[in-house]
């Protein structure tokens, strides 16, 4: 298709996805970038490019791609989540908190955003907020082992040893291995 229509953004987008699946990342980046040069408002392409940059640990470029995607669709849930993740990876915790909270405002059952928000609260020493976040997550899924584990860890850091023991006992009950 590109031989006959070299300015076809969708063809570049599709080809980029094929290269991504084949782990030919430089070619995937090239074709995603071509697609957005041809058709700058392609939200999904900006998202895919940001996701690819994140996987390549090129977080500053990922952040820019995600921000561009949000400029065209400010309510794109997965873009907010992945932007929060990129900010978390670069230790820009306040920005991460904002995007995780936006993700949860748009989808209150987004488990990964809820869990990651708890982790970021731990990083910035907002331990009470982390406890509240993990407890909210456990109200959605009482069997989410990682949340029980993190809750126990936060309780340990707070010196709340009985609550820590209860959380970690629950982890062992849910996952004896």
C-alpha atoms as a PDB file:
ATOM      1  CA  UNK A   1       0.000   0.000   0.000  1.00  0.00           C
ATOM      2  CA  UNK A   2       2.800   2.433   0.898  1.00  0.00           C
ATOM      3  CA  UNK A   3       4.343   2.051  -2.573  1.00  0.00           C
ATOM      4  CA  UNK A   4       1.180   3.450  -4.114  1.00  0.00           C
ATOM      5  CA  UNK A   5       0.114   5.703  -1.226  1.00  0.00           C
ATOM      6  CA  UNK A   6       3.210   6.785   0.730  1.00  0.00           C
ATOM      7  CA  UNK A   7       1.191   9.421   2.617  1.00  0.00           C
ATOM      8  CA  UNK A   8      -1.343   6.944   3.989  1.00  0.00           C
ATOM      9  CA  UNK A   9      -1.173   7.359   7.781  1.00  0.00           C
ATOM     10  CA  UNK A  10      -3.203   4.237   8.451  1.00  0.00           C
ATOM     11  CA  UNK A  11      -0.826   2.112   6.365  1.00  0.00           C
ATOM     12  CA  UNK A  12       2.164   3.473   8.323  1.00  0.00           C
ATOM     13  CA  UNK A  13       0.297   2.820  11.562  1.00  0.00           C
ATOM     14  CA  UNK A  14      -0.498  -0.769  10.571  1.00  0.00           C
ATOM     15  CA  UNK A  15       3.047  -1.403   9.392  1.00  0.00           C
ATOM     16  CA  UNK A  16       4.414   0.019  12.637  1.00  0.00           C
ATOM     17  CA  UNK A  17       2.268  -2.428  14.581  1.00  0.00           C
ATOM     18  CA  UNK A  18       3.623  -5.334  12.514  1.00  0.00           C
ATOM     19  CA  UNK A  19       7.202  -4.210  13.196  1.00  0.00           C
ATOM     20  CA  UNK A  20       6.348  -3.819  16.881  1.00  0.00           C
ATOM     21  CA  UNK A  21       5.028  -7.387  17.036  1.00  0.00           C
ATOM     22  CA  UNK A  22       8.183  -8.617  15.305  1.00  0.00           C
ATOM     23  CA  UNK A  23      10.263  -6.664  17.862  1.00  0.00           C
ATOM     24  CA  UNK A  24      11.788  -4.516  15.133  1.00  0.00           C
ATOM     25  CA  UNK A  25      11.413  -1.441  17.278  1.00  0.00           C
ATOM     26  CA  UNK A  26      13.396   1.140  15.266  1.00  0.00           C
ATOM     27  CA  UNK A  27      11.192   0.432  12.248  1.00  0.00           C
ATOM     28  CA  UNK A  28       8.071   0.551  14.391  1.00  0.00           C
ATOM     29  CA  UNK A  29       9.103   3.951  15.773  1.00  0.00           C
ATOM     30  CA  UNK A  30       9.827   5.195  12.254  1.00  0.00           C
ATOM     31  CA  UNK A  31       6.419   4.229  10.900  1.00  0.00           C
ATOM     32  CA  UNK A  32       4.491   5.504  13.924  1.00  0.00           C
ATOM     33  CA  UNK A  33       6.301   8.818  13.556  1.00  0.00           C
ATOM     34  CA  UNK A  34       5.489   8.903   9.850  1.00  0.00           C
ATOM     35  CA  UNK A  35       1.828   8.273  10.626  1.00  0.00           C
ATOM     36  CA  UNK A  36       1.621  11.188  13.053  1.00  0.00           C
ATOM     37  CA  UNK A  37       3.488  13.482  10.668  1.00  0.00           C
ATOM     38  CA  UNK A  38       0.887  12.733   8.002  1.00  0.00           C
ATOM     39  CA  UNK A  39      -2.113  12.805  10.318  1.00  0.00           C
ATOM     40  CA  UNK A  40      -1.201  14.552  13.599  1.00  0.00           C
ATOM     41  CA  UNK A  41      -4.546  13.947  15.324  1.00  0.00           C
ATOM     42  CA  UNK A  42      -4.249  10.127  15.349  1.00  0.00           C
ATOM     43  CA  UNK A  43      -4.717   9.538  19.098  1.00  0.00           C
ATOM     44  CA  UNK A  44      -4.168   5.782  18.899  1.00  0.00           C
ATOM     45  CA  UNK A  45      -0.881   6.288  17.025  1.00  0.00           C
ATOM     46  CA  UNK A  46       0.416   8.774  19.611  1.00  0.00           C
ATOM     47  CA  UNK A  47      -0.619   6.310  22.315  1.00  0.00           C
ATOM     48  CA  UNK A  48       1.096   3.376  20.576  1.00  0.00           C
ATOM     49  CA  UNK A  49       4.244   5.424  20.046  1.00  0.00           C
ATOM     50  CA  UNK A  50       4.260   6.435  23.706  1.00  0.00           C
ATOM     51  CA  UNK A  51       3.734   2.835  24.759  1.00  0.00           C
ATOM     52  CA  UNK A  52       6.628   1.725  22.543  1.00  0.00           C
ATOM     53  CA  UNK A  53       8.891   4.472  23.881  1.00  0.00           C
ATOM     54  CA  UNK A  54       8.008   3.341  27.421  1.00  0.00           C
ATOM     55  CA  UNK A  55       8.968  -0.221  26.611  1.00  0.00           C
ATOM     56  CA  UNK A  56      12.255   1.078  25.236  1.00  0.00           C
ATOM     57  CA  UNK A  57      12.706   3.083  28.472  1.00  0.00           C
ATOM     58  CA  UNK A  58      12.685   6.312  26.493  1.00  0.00           C
ATOM     59  CA  UNK A  59      10.391   7.865  29.053  1.00  0.00           C
ATOM     60  CA  UNK A  60      10.750  11.526  28.095  1.00  0.00           C
ATOM     61  CA  UNK A  61       9.659  10.712  24.548  1.00  0.00           C
ATOM     62  CA  UNK A  62       6.875   8.499  25.895  1.00  0.00           C
ATOM     63  CA  UNK A  63       5.632  11.350  28.075  1.00  0.00           C
ATOM     64  CA  UNK A  64       5.528  13.708  25.094  1.00  0.00           C
ATOM     65  CA  UNK A  65       3.633  11.171  22.969  1.00  0.00           C
ATOM     66  CA  UNK A  66       1.107  10.514  25.725  1.00  0.00           C
ATOM     67  CA  UNK A  67       0.641  14.248  26.352  1.00  0.00           C
ATOM     68  CA  UNK A  68       0.027  14.771  22.634  1.00  0.00           C
ATOM     69  CA  UNK A  69      -2.546  11.964  22.617  1.00  0.00           C
ATOM     70  CA  UNK A  70      -4.312  13.592  25.576  1.00  0.00           C
ATOM     71  CA  UNK A  71      -4.365  16.947  23.790  1.00  0.00           C
ATOM     72  CA  UNK A  72      -6.650  15.315  21.209  1.00  0.00           C
ATOM     73  CA  UNK A  73      -8.617  13.121  23.634  1.00  0.00           C
ATOM     74  CA  UNK A  74      -8.309  14.281  27.264  1.00  0.00           C
ATOM     75  CA  UNK A  75     -10.445  11.392  28.564  1.00  0.00           C
ATOM     76  CA  UNK A  76      -8.439   8.507  27.099  1.00  0.00           C
ATOM     77  CA  UNK A  77      -8.144   6.261  30.145  1.00  0.00           C
ATOM     78  CA  UNK A  78      -5.180   4.132  29.098  1.00  0.00           C
ATOM     79  CA  UNK A  79      -3.194   7.189  28.049  1.00  0.00           C
ATOM     80  CA  UNK A  80      -3.633   8.712  31.501  1.00  0.00           C
ATOM     81  CA  UNK A  81      -2.616   5.405  33.079  1.00  0.00           C
ATOM     82  CA  UNK A  82       0.478   4.987  30.916  1.00  0.00           C
ATOM     83  CA  UNK A  83       1.458   8.629  31.374  1.00  0.00           C
ATOM     84  CA  UNK A  84       1.211   8.072  35.127  1.00  0.00           C
ATOM     85  CA  UNK A  85       3.421   5.022  34.757  1.00  0.00           C
ATOM     86  CA  UNK A  86       6.025   6.953  32.722  1.00  0.00           C
ATOM     87  CA  UNK A  87       6.047   9.697  35.352  1.00  0.00           C
ATOM     88  CA  UNK A  88       6.397   7.071  38.085  1.00  0.00           C
ATOM     89  CA  UNK A  89       9.345   5.479  36.260  1.00  0.00           C
ATOM     90  CA  UNK A  90      11.044   8.886  36.061  1.00  0.00           C
ATOM     91  CA  UNK A  91      10.278   9.607  39.730  1.00  0.00           C
ATOM     92  CA  UNK A  92       8.004  12.509  38.908  1.00  0.00           C
ATOM     93  CA  UNK A  93       5.609  11.333  41.556  1.00  0.00           C
ATOM     94  CA  UNK A  94       3.253  14.304  41.787  1.00  0.00           C
ATOM     95  CA  UNK A  95       2.557  14.083  38.045  1.00  0.00           C
ATOM     96  CA  UNK A  96       2.080  10.326  38.373  1.00  0.00           C
ATOM     97  CA  UNK A  97      -0.423  10.843  41.194  1.00  0.00           C
ATOM     98  CA  UNK A  98      -2.400  13.274  39.068  1.00  0.00           C
ATOM     99  CA  UNK A  99      -2.676  10.908  36.109  1.00  0.00           C
ATOM    100  CA  UNK A 100      -3.460   7.849  38.220  1.00  0.00           C
ATOM    101  CA  UNK A 101      -6.201   9.833  39.966  1.00  0.00           C
ATOM    102  CA  UNK A 102      -7.569  10.931  36.597  1.00  0.00           C
ATOM    103  CA  UNK A 103      -7.519   7.310  35.441  1.00  0.00           C
ATOM    104  CA  UNK A 104      -9.519   6.336  38.511  1.00  0.00           C
ATOM    105  CA  UNK A 105     -11.943   9.232  38.042  1.00  0.00           C
ATOM    106  CA  UNK A 106     -12.603   7.920  34.521  1.00  0.00           C
ATOM    107  CA  UNK A 107     -12.647   4.242  35.562  1.00  0.00           C
ATOM    108  CA  UNK A 108     -12.871   3.632  39.299  1.00  0.00           C
ATOM    109  CA  UNK A 109     -12.245  -0.097  38.791  1.00  0.00           C
ATOM    110  CA  UNK A 110      -8.861   0.340  37.075  1.00  0.00           C
ATOM    111  CA  UNK A 111      -6.924  -2.022  39.337  1.00  0.00           C
ATOM    112  CA  UNK A 112      -3.457  -1.220  38.013  1.00  0.00           C
ATOM    113  CA  UNK A 113      -3.941   2.523  38.458  1.00  0.00           C
ATOM    114  CA  UNK A 114      -5.284   1.986  41.959  1.00  0.00           C
ATOM    115  CA  UNK A 115      -2.368  -0.267  42.914  1.00  0.00           C
ATOM    116  CA  UNK A 116       0.243   2.015  41.344  1.00  0.00           C
ATOM    117  CA  UNK A 117      -1.265   5.030  43.091  1.00  0.00           C
ATOM    118  CA  UNK A 118      -0.756   3.230  46.389  1.00  0.00           C
ATOM    119  CA  UNK A 119       2.851   2.524  45.442  1.00  0.00           C
ATOM    120  CA  UNK A 120       3.478   6.168  44.567  1.00  0.00           C
ATOM    121  CA  UNK A 121       1.936   7.283  47.849  1.00  0.00           C
ATOM    122  CA  UNK A 122       4.441   4.988  49.553  1.00  0.00           C
ATOM    123  CA  UNK A 123       7.293   6.585  47.598  1.00  0.00           C
ATOM    124  CA  UNK A 124       6.329  10.091  48.715  1.00  0.00           C
ATOM    125  CA  UNK A 125       5.793   8.948  52.330  1.00  0.00           C
ATOM    126  CA  UNK A 126       2.044   9.539  52.245  1.00  0.00           C
ATOM    127  CA  UNK A 127       1.521   6.298  54.127  1.00  0.00           C
ATOM    128  CA  UNK A 128      -2.020   7.024  55.323  1.00  0.00           C
ATOM    129  CA  UNK A 129      -3.041   7.735  51.718  1.00  0.00           C
ATOM    130  CA  UNK A 130      -1.366   4.476  50.646  1.00  0.00           C
ATOM    131  CA  UNK A 131      -3.356   2.567  53.282  1.00  0.00           C
ATOM    132  CA  UNK A 132      -6.582   4.168  52.086  1.00  0.00           C
ATOM    133  CA  UNK A 133      -5.717   3.344  48.475  1.00  0.00           C
ATOM    134  CA  UNK A 134      -4.969  -0.313  49.188  1.00  0.00           C
ATOM    135  CA  UNK A 135      -8.078  -0.650  51.334  1.00  0.00           C
ATOM    136  CA  UNK A 136     -10.201   0.841  48.536  1.00  0.00           C
ATOM    137  CA  UNK A 137      -8.635  -1.622  46.130  1.00  0.00           C
ATOM    138  CA  UNK A 138      -9.394  -4.514  48.468  1.00  0.00           C
ATOM    139  CA  UNK A 139     -13.041  -3.424  48.642  1.00  0.00           C
ATOM    140  CA  UNK A 140     -13.123  -4.040  44.889  1.00  0.00           C
ATOM    141  CA  UNK A 141     -11.277  -7.376  45.115  1.00  0.00           C
ATOM    142  CA  UNK A 142     -10.686  -8.840  48.553  1.00  0.00           C
ATOM    143  CA  UNK A 143      -8.447 -11.542  47.064  1.00  0.00           C
ATOM    144  CA  UNK A 144      -5.901  -9.175  45.461  1.00  0.00           C
ATOM    145  CA  UNK A 145      -2.790 -10.587  47.111  1.00  0.00           C
ATOM    146  CA  UNK A 146      -0.417  -7.793  46.091  1.00  0.00           C
ATOM    147  CA  UNK A 147      -2.617  -5.204  47.787  1.00  0.00           C
ATOM    148  CA  UNK A 148      -2.648  -7.218  51.026  1.00  0.00           C
ATOM    149  CA  UNK A 149       1.143  -7.536  50.832  1.00  0.00           C
ATOM    150  CA  UNK A 150       1.676  -3.788  50.255  1.00  0.00           C
ATOM    151  CA  UNK A 151      -0.821  -2.964  52.986  1.00  0.00           C
ATOM    152  CA  UNK A 152       1.169  -5.147  55.374  1.00  0.00           C
ATOM    153  CA  UNK A 153       4.371  -3.408  54.334  1.00  0.00           C
ATOM    154  CA  UNK A 154       2.888   0.032  54.960  1.00  0.00           C
ATOM    155  CA  UNK A 155       1.573  -1.107  58.337  1.00  0.00           C
ATOM    156  CA  UNK A 156       5.096  -2.354  59.169  1.00  0.00           C
ATOM    157  CA  UNK A 157       6.563   1.035  58.273  1.00  0.00           C
ATOM    158  CA  UNK A 158       3.960   2.713  60.481  1.00  0.00           C
ATOM    159  CA  UNK A 159       4.667   0.394  63.413  1.00  0.00           C
ATOM    160  CA  UNK A 160       1.164  -1.089  63.215  1.00  0.00           C
ATOM    161  CA  UNK A 161       2.373  -4.647  63.726  1.00  0.00           C
ATOM    162  CA  UNK A 162      -0.922  -6.382  64.505  1.00  0.00           C
ATOM    163  CA  UNK A 163      -2.448  -5.015  61.298  1.00  0.00           C
ATOM    164  CA  UNK A 164       0.720  -5.964  59.432  1.00  0.00           C
ATOM    165  CA  UNK A 165       0.457  -9.533  60.709  1.00  0.00           C
ATOM    166  CA  UNK A 166      -3.210  -9.712  59.706  1.00  0.00           C
ATOM    167  CA  UNK A 167      -2.457  -8.457  56.179  1.00  0.00           C
ATOM    168  CA  UNK A 168       0.418 -10.865  55.682  1.00  0.00           C
ATOM    169  CA  UNK A 169      -1.592 -13.757  57.147  1.00  0.00           C
ATOM    170  CA  UNK A 170      -4.174 -13.026  54.478  1.00  0.00           C
ATOM    171  CA  UNK A 171      -1.429 -13.148  51.827  1.00  0.00           C
ATOM    172  CA  UNK A 172      -0.393 -16.587  53.040  1.00  0.00           C
ATOM    173  CA  UNK A 173      -3.983 -17.794  53.102  1.00  0.00           C
ATOM    174  CA  UNK A 174      -4.599 -16.564  49.561  1.00  0.00           C
ATOM    175  CA  UNK A 175      -1.257 -17.709  48.150  1.00  0.00           C
ATOM    176  CA  UNK A 176       0.365 -20.411  50.303  1.00  0.00           C
ATOM    177  CA  UNK A 177       3.254 -20.830  47.869  1.00  0.00           C
END
